[in-house]
Amino acid sequence: MRTNYAAVLRLFCGMHTVLPHLYGNLINKAAVCAPLCAEQLNLVITLTKCRINSFG
């Protein structure tokens, strides 16, 4: 489920500018990118372990 943080900020802060939209987009992008970065890190760790083990 994708939370509309821009709408939440407008509701509670009364901000009717472009800032809530920017913050909402940044938060949503970070939420999407974090799992991808974690997957990349896990892949690097796995490949490194395989390489170390191959030299026994």
PDB file of N, CA and C in Angstrom:
ATOM      1  N   MET A   1       0.836  -1.178   0.000  1.00  0.00           N
ATOM      2  CA  MET A   1       0.000   0.000   0.000  1.00  0.00           C
ATOM      3  C   MET A   1       0.881   1.241   0.000  1.00  0.00           C
ATOM      4  N   ARG A   2       0.578   2.170  -0.860  1.00  0.00           N
ATOM      5  CA  ARG A   2       1.375   3.389  -0.983  1.00  0.00           C
ATOM      6  C   ARG A   2       0.675   4.524  -0.249  1.00  0.00           C
ATOM      7  N   THR A   3       1.382   5.098   0.711  1.00  0.00           N
ATOM      8  CA  THR A   3       0.810   6.179   1.503  1.00  0.00           C
ATOM      9  C   THR A   3       1.040   7.502   0.801  1.00  0.00           C
ATOM     10  N   ASN A   4       0.016   8.320   0.762  1.00  0.00           N
ATOM     11  CA  ASN A   4       0.135   9.637   0.151  1.00  0.00           C
ATOM     12  C   ASN A   4       0.577  10.625   1.223  1.00  0.00           C
ATOM     13  N   TYR A   5       1.913  10.730   1.414  1.00  0.00           N
ATOM     14  CA  TYR A   5       2.455  11.589   2.462  1.00  0.00           C
ATOM     15  C   TYR A   5       2.191  13.058   2.181  1.00  0.00           C
ATOM     16  N   ALA A   6       2.119  13.422   0.915  1.00  0.00           N
ATOM     17  CA  ALA A   6       1.841  14.823   0.580  1.00  0.00           C
ATOM     18  C   ALA A   6       0.477  15.231   1.116  1.00  0.00           C
ATOM     19  N   ALA A   7      -0.515  14.368   0.962  1.00  0.00           N
ATOM     20  CA  ALA A   7      -1.857  14.673   1.470  1.00  0.00           C
ATOM     21  C   ALA A   7      -1.859  14.737   2.993  1.00  0.00           C
ATOM     22  N   VAL A   8      -1.102  13.862   3.625  1.00  0.00           N
ATOM     23  CA  VAL A   8      -1.021  13.870   5.089  1.00  0.00           C
ATOM     24  C   VAL A   8      -0.394  15.165   5.580  1.00  0.00           C
ATOM     25  N   LEU A   9       0.686  15.589   4.929  1.00  0.00           N
ATOM     26  CA  LEU A   9       1.334  16.841   5.328  1.00  0.00           C
ATOM     27  C   LEU A   9       0.410  18.030   5.137  1.00  0.00           C
ATOM     28  N   ARG A  10      -0.319  18.058   4.022  1.00  0.00           N
ATOM     29  CA  ARG A  10      -1.249  19.169   3.785  1.00  0.00           C
ATOM     30  C   ARG A  10      -2.335  19.191   4.855  1.00  0.00           C
ATOM     31  N   LEU A  11      -2.815  18.018   5.218  1.00  0.00           N
ATOM     32  CA  LEU A  11      -3.904  17.926   6.183  1.00  0.00           C
ATOM     33  C   LEU A  11      -3.474  18.422   7.562  1.00  0.00           C
ATOM     34  N   PHE A  12      -2.326  17.966   8.030  1.00  0.00           N
ATOM     35  CA  PHE A  12      -1.914  18.287   9.395  1.00  0.00           C
ATOM     36  C   PHE A  12      -1.127  19.587   9.496  1.00  0.00           C
ATOM     37  N   CYS A  13      -0.430  19.971   8.474  1.00  0.00           N
ATOM     38  CA  CYS A  13       0.398  21.175   8.551  1.00  0.00           C
ATOM     39  C   CYS A  13      -0.278  22.379   7.906  1.00  0.00           C
ATOM     40  N   GLY A  14      -1.335  22.145   7.142  1.00  0.00           N
ATOM     41  CA  GLY A  14      -2.001  23.249   6.461  1.00  0.00           C
ATOM     42  C   GLY A  14      -1.135  23.866   5.378  1.00  0.00           C
ATOM     43  N   MET A  15      -0.222  23.091   4.838  1.00  0.00           N
ATOM     44  CA  MET A  15       0.688  23.611   3.815  1.00  0.00           C
ATOM     45  C   MET A  15       0.049  23.405   2.445  1.00  0.00           C
ATOM     46  N   HIS A  16      -0.245  24.488   1.777  1.00  0.00           N
ATOM     47  CA  HIS A  16      -0.865  24.400   0.450  1.00  0.00           C
ATOM     48  C   HIS A  16       0.114  24.893  -0.605  1.00  0.00           C
ATOM     49  N   THR A  17       1.362  24.453  -0.459  1.00  0.00           N
ATOM     50  CA  THR A  17       2.408  24.831  -1.406  1.00  0.00           C
ATOM     51  C   THR A  17       2.882  23.580  -2.126  1.00  0.00           C
ATOM     52  N   VAL A  18       3.939  23.718  -2.875  1.00  0.00           N
ATOM     53  CA  VAL A  18       4.484  22.577  -3.613  1.00  0.00           C
ATOM     54  C   VAL A  18       5.323  21.683  -2.697  1.00  0.00           C
ATOM     55  N   LEU A  19       5.714  22.164  -1.525  1.00  0.00           N
ATOM     56  CA  LEU A  19       6.588  21.386  -0.650  1.00  0.00           C
ATOM     57  C   LEU A  19       6.026  20.025  -0.252  1.00  0.00           C
ATOM     58  N   PRO A  20       4.755  19.926   0.133  1.00  0.00           N
ATOM     59  CA  PRO A  20       4.254  18.585   0.488  1.00  0.00           C
ATOM     60  C   PRO A  20       4.368  17.583  -0.654  1.00  0.00           C
ATOM     61  N   HIS A  21       4.193  18.046  -1.878  1.00  0.00           N
ATOM     62  CA  HIS A  21       4.317  17.142  -3.028  1.00  0.00           C
ATOM     63  C   HIS A  21       5.750  16.648  -3.155  1.00  0.00           C
ATOM     64  N   LEU A  22       6.704  17.558  -2.974  1.00  0.00           N
ATOM     65  CA  LEU A  22       8.107  17.167  -3.077  1.00  0.00           C
ATOM     66  C   LEU A  22       8.482  16.183  -1.981  1.00  0.00           C
ATOM     67  N   TYR A  23       8.077  16.481  -0.752  1.00  0.00           N
ATOM     68  CA  TYR A  23       8.390  15.582   0.351  1.00  0.00           C
ATOM     69  C   TYR A  23       7.730  14.224   0.151  1.00  0.00           C
ATOM     70  N   GLY A  24       6.489  14.215  -0.289  1.00  0.00           N
ATOM     71  CA  GLY A  24       5.790  12.959  -0.523  1.00  0.00           C
ATOM     72  C   GLY A  24       6.483  12.118  -1.573  1.00  0.00           C
ATOM     73  N   ASN A  25       6.919  12.748  -2.656  1.00  0.00           N
ATOM     74  CA  ASN A  25       7.610  12.014  -3.715  1.00  0.00           C
ATOM     75  C   ASN A  25       8.936  11.458  -3.227  1.00  0.00           C
ATOM     76  N   LEU A  26       9.672  12.247  -2.446  1.00  0.00           N
ATOM     77  CA  LEU A  26      10.960  11.778  -1.937  1.00  0.00           C
ATOM     78  C   LEU A  26      10.779  10.598  -0.988  1.00  0.00           C
ATOM     79  N   ILE A  27       9.775  10.682  -0.121  1.00  0.00           N
ATOM     80  CA  ILE A  27       9.524   9.591   0.826  1.00  0.00           C
ATOM     81  C   ILE A  27       9.119   8.327   0.079  1.00  0.00           C
ATOM     82  N   ASN A  28       8.260   8.455  -0.925  1.00  0.00           N
ATOM     83  CA  ASN A  28       7.826   7.281  -1.692  1.00  0.00           C
ATOM     84  C   ASN A  28       8.985   6.673  -2.464  1.00  0.00           C
ATOM     85  N   LYS A  29       9.861   7.519  -3.045  1.00  0.00           N
ATOM     86  CA  LYS A  29      11.017   7.004  -3.784  1.00  0.00           C
ATOM     87  C   LYS A  29      11.969   6.279  -2.848  1.00  0.00           C
ATOM     88  N   ALA A  30      12.177   6.828  -1.652  1.00  0.00           N
ATOM     89  CA  ALA A  30      13.060   6.178  -0.687  1.00  0.00           C
ATOM     90  C   ALA A  30      12.493   4.824  -0.275  1.00  0.00           C
ATOM     91  N   ALA A  31      11.185   4.748  -0.111  1.00  0.00           N
ATOM     92  CA  ALA A  31      10.548   3.492   0.288  1.00  0.00           C
ATOM     93  C   ALA A  31      10.697   2.432  -0.799  1.00  0.00           C
ATOM     94  N   VAL A  32      10.712   2.861  -2.054  1.00  0.00           N
ATOM     95  CA  VAL A  32      10.867   1.921  -3.164  1.00  0.00           C
ATOM     96  C   VAL A  32      12.325   1.512  -3.316  1.00  0.00           C
ATOM     97  N   CYS A  33      13.253   2.452  -3.133  1.00  0.00           N
ATOM     98  CA  CYS A  33      14.674   2.181  -3.370  1.00  0.00           C
ATOM     99  C   CYS A  33      15.317   1.356  -2.262  1.00  0.00           C
ATOM    100  N   ALA A  34      14.853   1.501  -1.037  1.00  0.00           N
ATOM    101  CA  ALA A  34      15.489   0.811   0.084  1.00  0.00           C
ATOM    102  C   ALA A  34      15.538  -0.709  -0.105  1.00  0.00           C
ATOM    103  N   PRO A  35      14.422  -1.366  -0.476  1.00  0.00           N
ATOM    104  CA  PRO A  35      14.507  -2.824  -0.670  1.00  0.00           C
ATOM    105  C   PRO A  35      15.433  -3.210  -1.816  1.00  0.00           C
ATOM    106  N   LEU A  36      15.486  -2.391  -2.868  1.00  0.00           N
ATOM    107  CA  LEU A  36      16.372  -2.698  -3.993  1.00  0.00           C
ATOM    108  C   LEU A  36      17.827  -2.604  -3.569  1.00  0.00           C
ATOM    109  N   CYS A  37      18.167  -1.587  -2.769  1.00  0.00           N
ATOM    110  CA  CYS A  37      19.536  -1.439  -2.281  1.00  0.00           C
ATOM    111  C   CYS A  37      19.904  -2.613  -1.383  1.00  0.00           C
ATOM    112  N   ALA A  38      18.974  -3.044  -0.555  1.00  0.00           N
ATOM    113  CA  ALA A  38      19.224  -4.191   0.323  1.00  0.00           C
ATOM    114  C   ALA A  38      19.470  -5.452  -0.500  1.00  0.00           C
ATOM    115  N   GLU A  39      18.711  -5.627  -1.565  1.00  0.00           N
ATOM    116  CA  GLU A  39      18.900  -6.795  -2.428  1.00  0.00           C
ATOM    117  C   GLU A  39      20.268  -6.754  -3.095  1.00  0.00           C
ATOM    118  N   GLN A  40      20.688  -5.570  -3.554  1.00  0.00           N
ATOM    119  CA  GLN A  40      22.003  -5.445  -4.183  1.00  0.00           C
ATOM    120  C   GLN A  40      23.105  -5.772  -3.189  1.00  0.00           C
ATOM    121  N   LEU A  41      22.966  -5.277  -1.959  1.00  0.00           N
ATOM    122  CA  LEU A  41      23.969  -5.552  -0.933  1.00  0.00           C
ATOM    123  C   LEU A  41      24.034  -7.043  -0.632  1.00  0.00           C
ATOM    124  N   ASN A  42      22.882  -7.695  -0.534  1.00  0.00           N
ATOM    125  CA  ASN A  42      22.861  -9.142  -0.289  1.00  0.00           C
ATOM    126  C   ASN A  42      23.525  -9.904  -1.425  1.00  0.00           C
ATOM    127  N   LEU A  43      23.322  -9.451  -2.644  1.00  0.00           N
ATOM    128  CA  LEU A  43      23.940 -10.101  -3.794  1.00  0.00           C
ATOM    129  C   LEU A  43      25.455  -9.970  -3.733  1.00  0.00           C
ATOM    130  N   VAL A  44      25.943  -8.776  -3.400  1.00  0.00           N
ATOM    131  CA  VAL A  44      27.394  -8.558  -3.302  1.00  0.00           C
ATOM    132  C   VAL A  44      27.989  -9.438  -2.208  1.00  0.00           C
ATOM    133  N   ILE A  45      27.318  -9.509  -1.062  1.00  0.00           N
ATOM    134  CA  ILE A  45      27.816 -10.344   0.038  1.00  0.00           C
ATOM    135  C   ILE A  45      27.850 -11.808  -0.375  1.00  0.00           C
ATOM    136  N   THR A  46      26.794 -12.270  -1.032  1.00  0.00           N
ATOM    137  CA  THR A  46      26.727 -13.668  -1.462  1.00  0.00           C
ATOM    138  C   THR A  46      27.824 -13.984  -2.465  1.00  0.00           C
ATOM    139  N   LEU A  47      28.016 -13.110  -3.445  1.00  0.00           N
ATOM    140  CA  LEU A  47      29.056 -13.344  -4.450  1.00  0.00           C
ATOM    141  C   LEU A  47      30.440 -13.323  -3.820  1.00  0.00           C
ATOM    142  N   THR A  48      30.645 -12.437  -2.854  1.00  0.00           N
ATOM    143  CA  THR A  48      31.940 -12.366  -2.175  1.00  0.00           C
ATOM    144  C   THR A  48      32.206 -13.652  -1.402  1.00  0.00           C
ATOM    145  N   LYS A  49      31.194 -14.173  -0.706  1.00  0.00           N
ATOM    146  CA  LYS A  49      31.355 -15.425   0.040  1.00  0.00           C
ATOM    147  C   LYS A  49      31.666 -16.579  -0.906  1.00  0.00           C
ATOM    148  N   CYS A  50      30.995 -16.611  -2.044  1.00  0.00           N
ATOM    149  CA  CYS A  50      31.236 -17.676  -3.020  1.00  0.00           C
ATOM    150  C   CYS A  50      32.660 -17.605  -3.544  1.00  0.00           C
ATOM    151  N   ARG A  51      33.122 -16.409  -3.791  1.00  0.00           N
ATOM    152  CA  ARG A  51      34.485 -16.231  -4.310  1.00  0.00           C
ATOM    153  C   ARG A  51      35.515 -16.662  -3.271  1.00  0.00           C
ATOM    154  N   ILE A  52      35.291 -16.278  -2.009  1.00  0.00           N
ATOM    155  CA  ILE A  52      36.213 -16.676  -0.939  1.00  0.00           C
ATOM    156  C   ILE A  52      36.207 -18.193  -0.786  1.00  0.00           C
ATOM    157  N   ASN A  53      35.031 -18.800  -0.807  1.00  0.00           N
ATOM    158  CA  ASN A  53      34.926 -20.253  -0.641  1.00  0.00           C
ATOM    159  C   ASN A  53      35.541 -21.009  -1.808  1.00  0.00           C
ATOM    160  N   SER A  54      35.542 -20.414  -2.995  1.00  0.00           N
ATOM    161  CA  SER A  54      36.098 -21.112  -4.155  1.00  0.00           C
ATOM    162  C   SER A  54      37.613 -21.247  -4.050  1.00  0.00           C
ATOM    163  N   PHE A  55      38.247 -20.379  -3.242  1.00  0.00           N
ATOM    164  CA  PHE A  55      39.693 -20.492  -3.043  1.00  0.00           C
ATOM    165  C   PHE A  55      40.016 -21.370  -1.837  1.00  0.00           C
ATOM    166  N   GLY A  56      38.966 -21.813  -1.119  1.00  0.00           N
ATOM    167  CA  GLY A  56      39.037 -22.769  -0.041  1.00  0.00           C
ATOM    168  C   GLY A  56      40.018 -22.483   1.026  1.00  0.00           C
TER     169      GLY A  56
END
